[in-house]
Each structure stands twice: as structure tokens, then as C-alpha cells.
Amino acid sequence: MSSNRIGEEEWRLRQELADCYRLFAQLGWGEAIFNHITLRVPGPERHYLINPFGLMYEEVTPENLVKIDLDGAPVGASEHPVNPAGFIIHGAIHRAREDAHCIMHVHTTAGVAVACKRDGLSHDNFYGAMFEGRVAYHDFEGISVHPEEQPRLVRSLGDKDVLILRNHGLLVLGEDLPHAFRWLWSLQRACEVQCQAGALAGPDIPIADEVRRASTRDARDFAAGTTARLMFDAMVRRMRAERGNA
């Protein structure tokens, strides 16, 4: 596949998504050949791009990304299969949420650890305070390969942009890839700090509700402009430099 065979905007999105997969690999957010970042392409059908099943994140390229429909069927020719969990979770949310242009799902150690805690995400640290009122939870039903779970996933998510899959991992959706990345990065940092703080003796210092609300509002206002794009592009530049522009 080449840029000559698809539209200019889809090719740009393929390049951006491939960069994101390789960035995840650099950050240690990959999970062997599992988990997904999906990105919608232009058009009313809500087709989206997903990683080829069987490749490591650092092997993903603009050319080998697979375009699928909401039922997980490939759109056009592809030599790679698709992991069923990719369309059970991602397809359900892409179908239900017009604003879900990009969805990121990870099993980072800190993220799964927080997902295993009864009280879920703490809002009593710098990063966690950015997510006051933004987090939904979905109870664990086993490996997400059964279509009947899809409506329950959508109900659990509601109108939120962050979903903690209990005992499972983290999910973030965004209006585009840089915004989804910016919030997943912040959520991952919140989980890491929560795990480290929990390992120290003594109680945590609580943050007042009004300060949490203000932190969430200010963080969203700050990210509403070009911040997410600037952050993502900067991290991609560093990743490329460290990979030798591979």
C-alpha cells in the first residue's frame, strides 16, 4: 500500500498512528502483540485503522495498518488478521460515540494495578486531580471477545472520555490522536504516582473537591488549544531521533 492508493488525509492519519504505536513501544506501553490504538478515517461509515495482529508495536507502519468496519471486517485487502478484542471494545465505542475519533487501550502495570483497586483512580495527586468527574468504570467480564459485552461497555462509558476497565486496564478516547495521547499520558502518570504514594508509609494528603474541579477545568482548557499537538509532535521527534529516524 502507498499514499498513491488512498486519500491524502487517510495517509496522514496512517503516518500519525504508526508514529504513535512506535512511541508507545518506546514508552513501554506495549503489550507484546496485544492491545490497540484505533483511529477513525474520513467518511460516514466510521471505518477505523487498527494494528495488524501478530506484529509488535515497533513493527507497525503506515502501510500495514488495517482498515476495518465497526464489525471488525477488513475494508480492502490486508494480509494481516485483526485481534477480536480490538473491535469488541473499540468498535462498540466508535459506533456509539461520534466524538470517539481515537481510542487508546493499554495494560500498563500501573494502570492495571489501579484498575484492581476497589476505589479506583485517586484524585489526590497532581495528575489524578485533572480527572475529577471524567472517569467511568466497567466491571470485569473476562477477556473482551464476546459481542454481548459491547452494549454494557457503552453504558459503562456513558459520556465520559476515560474508562477504567476494572481488573483489566485503561481506556481513553479523544477528538483526535494527539488529544487522546495527552490524556492517556496524564492518566498513566496519575496511576504511577498513586502506586508510588501507596507504597510509602503514612496517609496521603487529600485535595479539596473545589481544587480538584478547578484542576480538571484548567487542564482541559489548557489542552483545548495546540498543547496536545505540540506535546505529541515533540515526543515523536524524540522517539525518531532515538530510533535513528527509523
C-alpha atoms as a PDB file:
ATOM      1  CA  MET A   1       0.000   0.000   0.000  1.00  0.00           C
ATOM      2  CA  SER A   2       1.203   3.507  -0.716  1.00  0.00           C
ATOM      3  CA  SER A   3      -0.059   7.051  -0.396  1.00  0.00           C
ATOM      4  CA  ASN A   4      -0.972   6.932  -4.098  1.00  0.00           C
ATOM      5  CA  ARG A   5      -3.724   4.373  -3.438  1.00  0.00           C
ATOM      6  CA  ILE A   6      -5.560   6.165  -0.635  1.00  0.00           C
ATOM      7  CA  GLY A   7      -6.666   9.688   0.135  1.00  0.00           C
ATOM      8  CA  GLU A   8      -4.263  12.326   1.387  1.00  0.00           C
ATOM      9  CA  GLU A   9      -6.000  12.704   4.767  1.00  0.00           C
ATOM     10  CA  GLU A  10      -6.103   8.973   5.438  1.00  0.00           C
ATOM     11  CA  TRP A  11      -2.413   8.709   4.600  1.00  0.00           C
ATOM     12  CA  ARG A  12      -1.641  11.493   7.061  1.00  0.00           C
ATOM     13  CA  LEU A  13      -3.623   9.683   9.745  1.00  0.00           C
ATOM     14  CA  ARG A  14      -1.835   6.419   8.971  1.00  0.00           C
ATOM     15  CA  GLN A  15       1.524   8.118   9.441  1.00  0.00           C
ATOM     16  CA  GLU A  16       0.381   9.681  12.709  1.00  0.00           C
ATOM     17  CA  LEU A  17      -0.988   6.405  14.061  1.00  0.00           C
ATOM     18  CA  ALA A  18       2.118   4.435  13.094  1.00  0.00           C
ATOM     19  CA  ASP A  19       4.238   7.034  14.896  1.00  0.00           C
ATOM     20  CA  CYS A  20       2.016   6.639  17.942  1.00  0.00           C
ATOM     21  CA  TYR A  21       2.435   2.870  18.022  1.00  0.00           C
ATOM     22  CA  ARG A  22       6.196   3.227  17.896  1.00  0.00           C
ATOM     23  CA  LEU A  23       6.028   5.898  20.598  1.00  0.00           C
ATOM     24  CA  PHE A  24       4.021   3.521  22.804  1.00  0.00           C
ATOM     25  CA  ALA A  25       6.739   0.911  22.290  1.00  0.00           C
ATOM     26  CA  GLN A  26       9.395   3.401  23.357  1.00  0.00           C
ATOM     27  CA  LEU A  27       7.405   4.333  26.468  1.00  0.00           C
ATOM     28  CA  GLY A  28       6.950   0.692  27.456  1.00  0.00           C
ATOM     29  CA  TRP A  29       3.182   0.827  26.951  1.00  0.00           C
ATOM     30  CA  GLY A  30       3.057  -2.079  24.515  1.00  0.00           C
ATOM     31  CA  GLU A  31       1.736  -5.499  25.495  1.00  0.00           C
ATOM     32  CA  ALA A  32       3.541  -7.904  23.155  1.00  0.00           C
ATOM     33  CA  ILE A  33       1.189  -8.205  20.122  1.00  0.00           C
ATOM     34  CA  PHE A  34      -1.921  -7.236  22.107  1.00  0.00           C
ATOM     35  CA  ASN A  35      -3.929  -4.069  22.859  1.00  0.00           C
ATOM     36  CA  HIS A  36      -4.844  -1.352  20.418  1.00  0.00           C
ATOM     37  CA  ILE A  37      -4.818   2.271  19.381  1.00  0.00           C
ATOM     38  CA  THR A  38      -7.554   2.927  16.831  1.00  0.00           C
ATOM     39  CA  LEU A  39      -8.156   5.995  14.698  1.00  0.00           C
ATOM     40  CA  ARG A  40     -11.160   6.813  12.535  1.00  0.00           C
ATOM     41  CA  VAL A  41     -10.634   7.738   8.913  1.00  0.00           C
ATOM     42  CA  PRO A  42     -12.734  10.261   6.976  1.00  0.00           C
ATOM     43  CA  GLY A  43     -16.144   9.119   5.793  1.00  0.00           C
ATOM     44  CA  PRO A  44     -19.637   8.422   7.149  1.00  0.00           C
ATOM     45  CA  GLU A  45     -19.000   4.682   7.613  1.00  0.00           C
ATOM     46  CA  ARG A  46     -16.834   5.187  10.724  1.00  0.00           C
ATOM     47  CA  HIS A  47     -14.138   2.885   9.395  1.00  0.00           C
ATOM     48  CA  TYR A  48     -11.047   2.924  11.537  1.00  0.00           C
ATOM     49  CA  LEU A  49      -7.397   1.913  11.484  1.00  0.00           C
ATOM     50  CA  ILE A  50      -6.012  -0.739  13.813  1.00  0.00           C
ATOM     51  CA  ASN A  51      -2.699  -2.522  14.310  1.00  0.00           C
ATOM     52  CA  PRO A  52      -2.107  -5.791  12.436  1.00  0.00           C
ATOM     53  CA  PHE A  53      -2.499  -8.751  14.799  1.00  0.00           C
ATOM     54  CA  GLY A  54       0.815 -10.530  15.231  1.00  0.00           C
ATOM     55  CA  LEU A  55       3.128  -7.512  14.958  1.00  0.00           C
ATOM     56  CA  MET A  56       4.910  -5.766  17.789  1.00  0.00           C
ATOM     57  CA  TYR A  57       4.150  -2.061  18.158  1.00  0.00           C
ATOM     58  CA  GLU A  58       7.539  -1.067  16.774  1.00  0.00           C
ATOM     59  CA  GLU A  59       6.746  -3.032  13.598  1.00  0.00           C
ATOM     60  CA  VAL A  60       3.627  -1.019  12.778  1.00  0.00           C
ATOM     61  CA  THR A  61       3.926   1.164   9.674  1.00  0.00           C
ATOM     62  CA  PRO A  62       1.503   3.392   7.748  1.00  0.00           C
ATOM     63  CA  GLU A  63       1.312   0.696   5.066  1.00  0.00           C
ATOM     64  CA  ASN A  64       0.467  -2.305   7.250  1.00  0.00           C
ATOM     65  CA  LEU A  65      -2.214  -0.703   9.420  1.00  0.00           C
ATOM     66  CA  VAL A  66      -5.530  -2.479   8.801  1.00  0.00           C
ATOM     67  CA  LYS A  67      -8.712  -0.573   7.992  1.00  0.00           C
ATOM     68  CA  ILE A  68     -11.815  -2.287   9.398  1.00  0.00           C
ATOM     69  CA  ASP A  69     -15.510  -1.584   9.778  1.00  0.00           C
ATOM     70  CA  LEU A  70     -17.466  -1.472  13.034  1.00  0.00           C
ATOM     71  CA  ASP A  71     -17.972  -5.239  12.920  1.00  0.00           C
ATOM     72  CA  GLY A  72     -14.275  -5.937  12.569  1.00  0.00           C
ATOM     73  CA  ALA A  73     -14.305  -6.844   8.876  1.00  0.00           C
ATOM     74  CA  PRO A  74     -11.336  -5.610   6.815  1.00  0.00           C
ATOM     75  CA  VAL A  75     -12.079  -2.822   4.366  1.00  0.00           C
ATOM     76  CA  GLY A  76      -9.975  -3.587   1.326  1.00  0.00           C
ATOM     77  CA  ALA A  77      -7.190  -6.124   1.039  1.00  0.00           C
ATOM     78  CA  SER A  78      -4.969  -6.923   4.017  1.00  0.00           C
ATOM     79  CA  GLU A  79      -2.530  -9.746   4.637  1.00  0.00           C
ATOM     80  CA  HIS A  80      -2.919  -9.358   8.399  1.00  0.00           C
ATOM     81  CA  PRO A  81      -5.687 -10.561  10.736  1.00  0.00           C
ATOM     82  CA  VAL A  82      -7.316  -8.452  13.452  1.00  0.00           C
ATOM     83  CA  ASN A  83      -7.478  -9.320  17.147  1.00  0.00           C
ATOM     84  CA  PRO A  84     -11.197  -9.791  18.041  1.00  0.00           C
ATOM     85  CA  ALA A  85     -10.808  -7.715  21.208  1.00  0.00           C
ATOM     86  CA  GLY A  86      -9.906  -4.775  19.001  1.00  0.00           C
ATOM     87  CA  PHE A  87     -13.363  -4.479  17.518  1.00  0.00           C
ATOM     88  CA  ILE A  88     -15.322  -5.745  20.527  1.00  0.00           C
ATOM     89  CA  ILE A  89     -14.072  -2.828  22.629  1.00  0.00           C
ATOM     90  CA  HIS A  90     -13.079  -0.234  20.057  1.00  0.00           C
ATOM     91  CA  GLY A  91     -15.810  -0.950  17.535  1.00  0.00           C
ATOM     92  CA  ALA A  92     -18.516  -0.582  20.187  1.00  0.00           C
ATOM     93  CA  ILE A  93     -17.234   2.836  21.246  1.00  0.00           C
ATOM     94  CA  HIS A  94     -16.525   4.098  17.721  1.00  0.00           C
ATOM     95  CA  ARG A  95     -20.102   3.140  16.825  1.00  0.00           C
ATOM     96  CA  ALA A  96     -21.685   4.749  19.895  1.00  0.00           C
ATOM     97  CA  ARG A  97     -19.665   7.940  20.276  1.00  0.00           C
ATOM     98  CA  GLU A  98     -19.433  10.495  17.477  1.00  0.00           C
ATOM     99  CA  ASP A  99     -16.568  12.190  19.354  1.00  0.00           C
ATOM    100  CA  ALA A 100     -14.502   8.996  19.628  1.00  0.00           C
ATOM    101  CA  HIS A 101     -12.139   9.634  16.743  1.00  0.00           C
ATOM    102  CA  CYS A 102      -9.222   7.994  18.568  1.00  0.00           C
ATOM    103  CA  ILE A 103      -9.339   5.282  21.239  1.00  0.00           C
ATOM    104  CA  MET A 104      -6.337   4.051  23.212  1.00  0.00           C
ATOM    105  CA  HIS A 105      -6.396   0.959  25.418  1.00  0.00           C
ATOM    106  CA  VAL A 106      -3.414  -0.203  27.492  1.00  0.00           C
ATOM    107  CA  HIS A 107      -2.458  -2.773  30.104  1.00  0.00           C
ATOM    108  CA  THR A 108       0.386  -0.839  31.726  1.00  0.00           C
ATOM    109  CA  THR A 109       1.441  -2.228  35.097  1.00  0.00           C
ATOM    110  CA  ALA A 110       0.435   0.917  36.971  1.00  0.00           C
ATOM    111  CA  GLY A 111      -2.837   1.149  35.057  1.00  0.00           C
ATOM    112  CA  VAL A 112      -3.854  -2.446  35.745  1.00  0.00           C
ATOM    113  CA  ALA A 113      -2.814  -2.068  39.389  1.00  0.00           C
ATOM    114  CA  VAL A 114      -5.115   0.935  39.845  1.00  0.00           C
ATOM    115  CA  ALA A 115      -7.866  -0.873  37.935  1.00  0.00           C
ATOM    116  CA  CYS A 116      -7.636  -3.657  40.544  1.00  0.00           C
ATOM    117  CA  LYS A 117      -8.245  -1.275  43.467  1.00  0.00           C
ATOM    118  CA  ARG A 118     -11.795  -1.041  44.785  1.00  0.00           C
ATOM    119  CA  ASP A 119     -11.655   2.764  44.965  1.00  0.00           C
ATOM    120  CA  GLY A 120     -10.122   3.091  41.504  1.00  0.00           C
ATOM    121  CA  LEU A 121      -8.214   6.195  40.498  1.00  0.00           C
ATOM    122  CA  SER A 122      -7.126   8.589  43.226  1.00  0.00           C
ATOM    123  CA  HIS A 123      -7.692  12.274  42.539  1.00  0.00           C
ATOM    124  CA  ASP A 124      -5.309  13.302  45.317  1.00  0.00           C
ATOM    125  CA  ASN A 125      -2.211  13.947  43.230  1.00  0.00           C
ATOM    126  CA  PHE A 126      -1.277  16.487  40.565  1.00  0.00           C
ATOM    127  CA  TYR A 127      -2.254  14.249  37.656  1.00  0.00           C
ATOM    128  CA  GLY A 128      -5.202  12.495  39.231  1.00  0.00           C
ATOM    129  CA  ALA A 129      -6.774  15.847  40.074  1.00  0.00           C
ATOM    130  CA  MET A 130      -7.106  16.511  36.330  1.00  0.00           C
ATOM    131  CA  PHE A 131      -9.683  13.721  36.025  1.00  0.00           C
ATOM    132  CA  GLU A 132     -12.299  14.730  38.586  1.00  0.00           C
ATOM    133  CA  GLY A 133     -15.709  13.748  37.179  1.00  0.00           C
ATOM    134  CA  ARG A 134     -14.214  12.374  33.953  1.00  0.00           C
ATOM    135  CA  VAL A 135     -13.702   8.699  34.805  1.00  0.00           C
ATOM    136  CA  ALA A 136     -16.152   5.843  34.259  1.00  0.00           C
ATOM    137  CA  TYR A 137     -15.694   2.217  35.352  1.00  0.00           C
ATOM    138  CA  HIS A 138     -16.621  -1.085  33.732  1.00  0.00           C
ATOM    139  CA  ASP A 139     -16.721  -4.325  35.725  1.00  0.00           C
ATOM    140  CA  PHE A 140     -14.525  -7.180  34.565  1.00  0.00           C
ATOM    141  CA  GLU A 141     -16.307  -9.797  32.445  1.00  0.00           C
ATOM    142  CA  GLY A 142     -13.261 -11.763  31.329  1.00  0.00           C
ATOM    143  CA  ILE A 143     -11.370 -11.417  28.058  1.00  0.00           C
ATOM    144  CA  SER A 144     -13.265  -8.993  25.836  1.00  0.00           C
ATOM    145  CA  VAL A 145     -14.055 -11.233  22.879  1.00  0.00           C
ATOM    146  CA  HIS A 146     -17.842 -11.580  23.217  1.00  0.00           C
ATOM    147  CA  PRO A 147     -20.145  -9.192  21.276  1.00  0.00           C
ATOM    148  CA  GLU A 148     -22.792  -9.260  24.018  1.00  0.00           C
ATOM    149  CA  GLU A 149     -20.456  -7.227  26.225  1.00  0.00           C
ATOM    150  CA  GLN A 150     -20.470  -4.295  23.803  1.00  0.00           C
ATOM    151  CA  PRO A 151     -23.699  -2.571  24.978  1.00  0.00           C
ATOM    152  CA  ARG A 152     -22.581  -2.900  28.601  1.00  0.00           C
ATOM    153  CA  LEU A 153     -19.225  -1.303  27.744  1.00  0.00           C
ATOM    154  CA  VAL A 154     -21.011   1.600  26.087  1.00  0.00           C
ATOM    155  CA  ARG A 155     -23.372   2.038  29.051  1.00  0.00           C
ATOM    156  CA  SER A 156     -20.453   1.995  31.471  1.00  0.00           C
ATOM    157  CA  LEU A 157     -18.601   4.662  29.492  1.00  0.00           C
ATOM    158  CA  GLY A 158     -21.618   6.959  29.172  1.00  0.00           C
ATOM    159  CA  ASP A 159     -20.483  10.464  28.266  1.00  0.00           C
ATOM    160  CA  LYS A 160     -17.042  10.176  29.874  1.00  0.00           C
ATOM    161  CA  ASP A 161     -13.746  10.211  27.969  1.00  0.00           C
ATOM    162  CA  VAL A 162     -11.875   7.909  30.363  1.00  0.00           C
ATOM    163  CA  LEU A 163     -12.877   4.326  31.150  1.00  0.00           C
ATOM    164  CA  ILE A 164     -11.116   2.197  33.726  1.00  0.00           C
ATOM    165  CA  LEU A 165     -11.823  -1.432  32.933  1.00  0.00           C
ATOM    166  CA  ARG A 166     -11.768  -2.968  36.403  1.00  0.00           C
ATOM    167  CA  ASN A 167      -9.096  -5.637  36.935  1.00  0.00           C
ATOM    168  CA  HIS A 168      -8.118  -5.040  33.304  1.00  0.00           C
ATOM    169  CA  GLY A 169      -6.654  -1.708  32.201  1.00  0.00           C
ATOM    170  CA  LEU A 170      -7.148   1.844  30.969  1.00  0.00           C
ATOM    171  CA  LEU A 171      -9.034   3.317  28.024  1.00  0.00           C
ATOM    172  CA  VAL A 172      -9.084   6.913  26.783  1.00  0.00           C
ATOM    173  CA  LEU A 173     -10.890   8.424  23.820  1.00  0.00           C
ATOM    174  CA  GLY A 174     -10.237  11.737  22.122  1.00  0.00           C
ATOM    175  CA  GLU A 175     -11.342  14.072  19.364  1.00  0.00           C
ATOM    176  CA  ASP A 176      -8.069  13.267  17.606  1.00  0.00           C
ATOM    177  CA  LEU A 177      -4.934  11.272  18.283  1.00  0.00           C
ATOM    178  CA  PRO A 178      -2.852  13.993  19.999  1.00  0.00           C
ATOM    179  CA  HIS A 179      -5.637  14.745  22.492  1.00  0.00           C
ATOM    180  CA  ALA A 180      -6.173  11.086  23.297  1.00  0.00           C
ATOM    181  CA  PHE A 181      -2.421  10.678  23.780  1.00  0.00           C
ATOM    182  CA  ARG A 182      -2.156  13.724  26.011  1.00  0.00           C
ATOM    183  CA  TRP A 183      -4.865  12.398  28.343  1.00  0.00           C
ATOM    184  CA  LEU A 184      -3.568   8.835  28.371  1.00  0.00           C
ATOM    185  CA  TRP A 185      -0.106  10.126  29.235  1.00  0.00           C
ATOM    186  CA  SER A 186      -1.580  12.140  32.132  1.00  0.00           C
ATOM    187  CA  LEU A 187      -3.708   9.193  33.280  1.00  0.00           C
ATOM    188  CA  GLN A 188      -0.701   6.881  33.212  1.00  0.00           C
ATOM    189  CA  ARG A 189       1.289   9.401  35.269  1.00  0.00           C
ATOM    190  CA  ALA A 190      -1.609   9.595  37.763  1.00  0.00           C
ATOM    191  CA  CYS A 191      -1.558   5.808  38.136  1.00  0.00           C
ATOM    192  CA  GLU A 192       2.223   5.700  38.544  1.00  0.00           C
ATOM    193  CA  VAL A 193       2.167   8.383  41.248  1.00  0.00           C
ATOM    194  CA  GLN A 194      -0.747   6.669  43.017  1.00  0.00           C
ATOM    195  CA  CYS A 195       1.151   3.372  43.098  1.00  0.00           C
ATOM    196  CA  GLN A 196       4.312   5.025  44.399  1.00  0.00           C
ATOM    197  CA  ALA A 197       2.450   7.055  47.025  1.00  0.00           C
ATOM    198  CA  GLY A 198       0.619   3.932  48.172  1.00  0.00           C
ATOM    199  CA  ALA A 199       3.950   2.216  48.776  1.00  0.00           C
ATOM    200  CA  LEU A 200       5.051   4.921  51.237  1.00  0.00           C
ATOM    201  CA  ALA A 201       4.155   4.931  54.909  1.00  0.00           C
ATOM    202  CA  GLY A 202       1.545   7.386  56.121  1.00  0.00           C
ATOM    203  CA  PRO A 203      -1.714   8.737  54.704  1.00  0.00           C
ATOM    204  CA  ASP A 204      -1.984  10.755  51.517  1.00  0.00           C
ATOM    205  CA  ILE A 205      -2.844  14.444  51.704  1.00  0.00           C
ATOM    206  CA  PRO A 206      -6.380  14.880  50.333  1.00  0.00           C
ATOM    207  CA  ILE A 207      -7.117  17.547  47.737  1.00  0.00           C
ATOM    208  CA  ALA A 208     -10.265  19.575  48.321  1.00  0.00           C
ATOM    209  CA  ASP A 209     -13.170  18.955  45.939  1.00  0.00           C
ATOM    210  CA  GLU A 210     -13.171  22.532  44.665  1.00  0.00           C
ATOM    211  CA  VAL A 211      -9.440  22.335  43.892  1.00  0.00           C
ATOM    212  CA  ARG A 212      -9.943  19.059  42.032  1.00  0.00           C
ATOM    213  CA  ARG A 213     -12.722  20.600  39.969  1.00  0.00           C
ATOM    214  CA  ALA A 214     -10.590  23.644  39.210  1.00  0.00           C
ATOM    215  CA  SER A 215      -7.634  21.414  38.247  1.00  0.00           C
ATOM    216  CA  THR A 216      -9.818  19.423  35.857  1.00  0.00           C
ATOM    217  CA  ARG A 217     -11.258  22.570  34.306  1.00  0.00           C
ATOM    218  CA  ASP A 218      -7.862  24.245  33.939  1.00  0.00           C
ATOM    219  CA  ALA A 219      -6.256  21.119  32.477  1.00  0.00           C
ATOM    220  CA  ARG A 220      -8.989  20.793  29.865  1.00  0.00           C
ATOM    221  CA  ASP A 221      -8.797  24.496  28.997  1.00  0.00           C
ATOM    222  CA  PHE A 222      -5.027  24.262  28.683  1.00  0.00           C
ATOM    223  CA  ALA A 223      -5.259  21.225  26.394  1.00  0.00           C
ATOM    224  CA  ALA A 224      -8.022  22.722  24.253  1.00  0.00           C
ATOM    225  CA  GLY A 225      -5.595  24.665  22.079  1.00  0.00           C
ATOM    226  CA  THR A 226      -2.392  23.430  20.499  1.00  0.00           C
ATOM    227  CA  THR A 227      -0.857  21.887  23.635  1.00  0.00           C
ATOM    228  CA  ALA A 228      -1.797  18.307  22.796  1.00  0.00           C
ATOM    229  CA  ARG A 229      -0.408  18.616  19.271  1.00  0.00           C
ATOM    230  CA  LEU A 230       2.793  20.278  20.471  1.00  0.00           C
ATOM    231  CA  MET A 231       3.328  17.565  23.090  1.00  0.00           C
ATOM    232  CA  PHE A 232       2.682  14.664  20.730  1.00  0.00           C
ATOM    233  CA  ASP A 233       4.877  16.079  17.963  1.00  0.00           C
ATOM    234  CA  ALA A 234       7.724  16.762  20.402  1.00  0.00           C
ATOM    235  CA  MET A 235       7.619  13.212  21.764  1.00  0.00           C
ATOM    236  CA  VAL A 236       7.524  11.789  18.246  1.00  0.00           C
ATOM    237  CA  ARG A 237      10.594  13.862  17.322  1.00  0.00           C
ATOM    238  CA  ARG A 238      12.464  12.492  20.317  1.00  0.00           C
ATOM    239  CA  MET A 239      11.354   8.953  19.513  1.00  0.00           C
ATOM    240  CA  ARG A 240      12.534   9.285  15.912  1.00  0.00           C
ATOM    241  CA  ALA A 241      15.854  10.743  16.997  1.00  0.00           C
ATOM    242  CA  GLU A 242      16.454   7.892  19.423  1.00  0.00           C
ATOM    243  CA  ARG A 243      15.464   5.344  16.778  1.00  0.00           C
ATOM    244  CA  GLY A 244      17.754   6.966  14.228  1.00  0.00           C
ATOM    245  CA  ASN A 245      14.750   8.170  12.174  1.00  0.00           C
ATOM    246  CA  ALA A 246      13.731   4.551  11.548  1.00  0.00           C
END
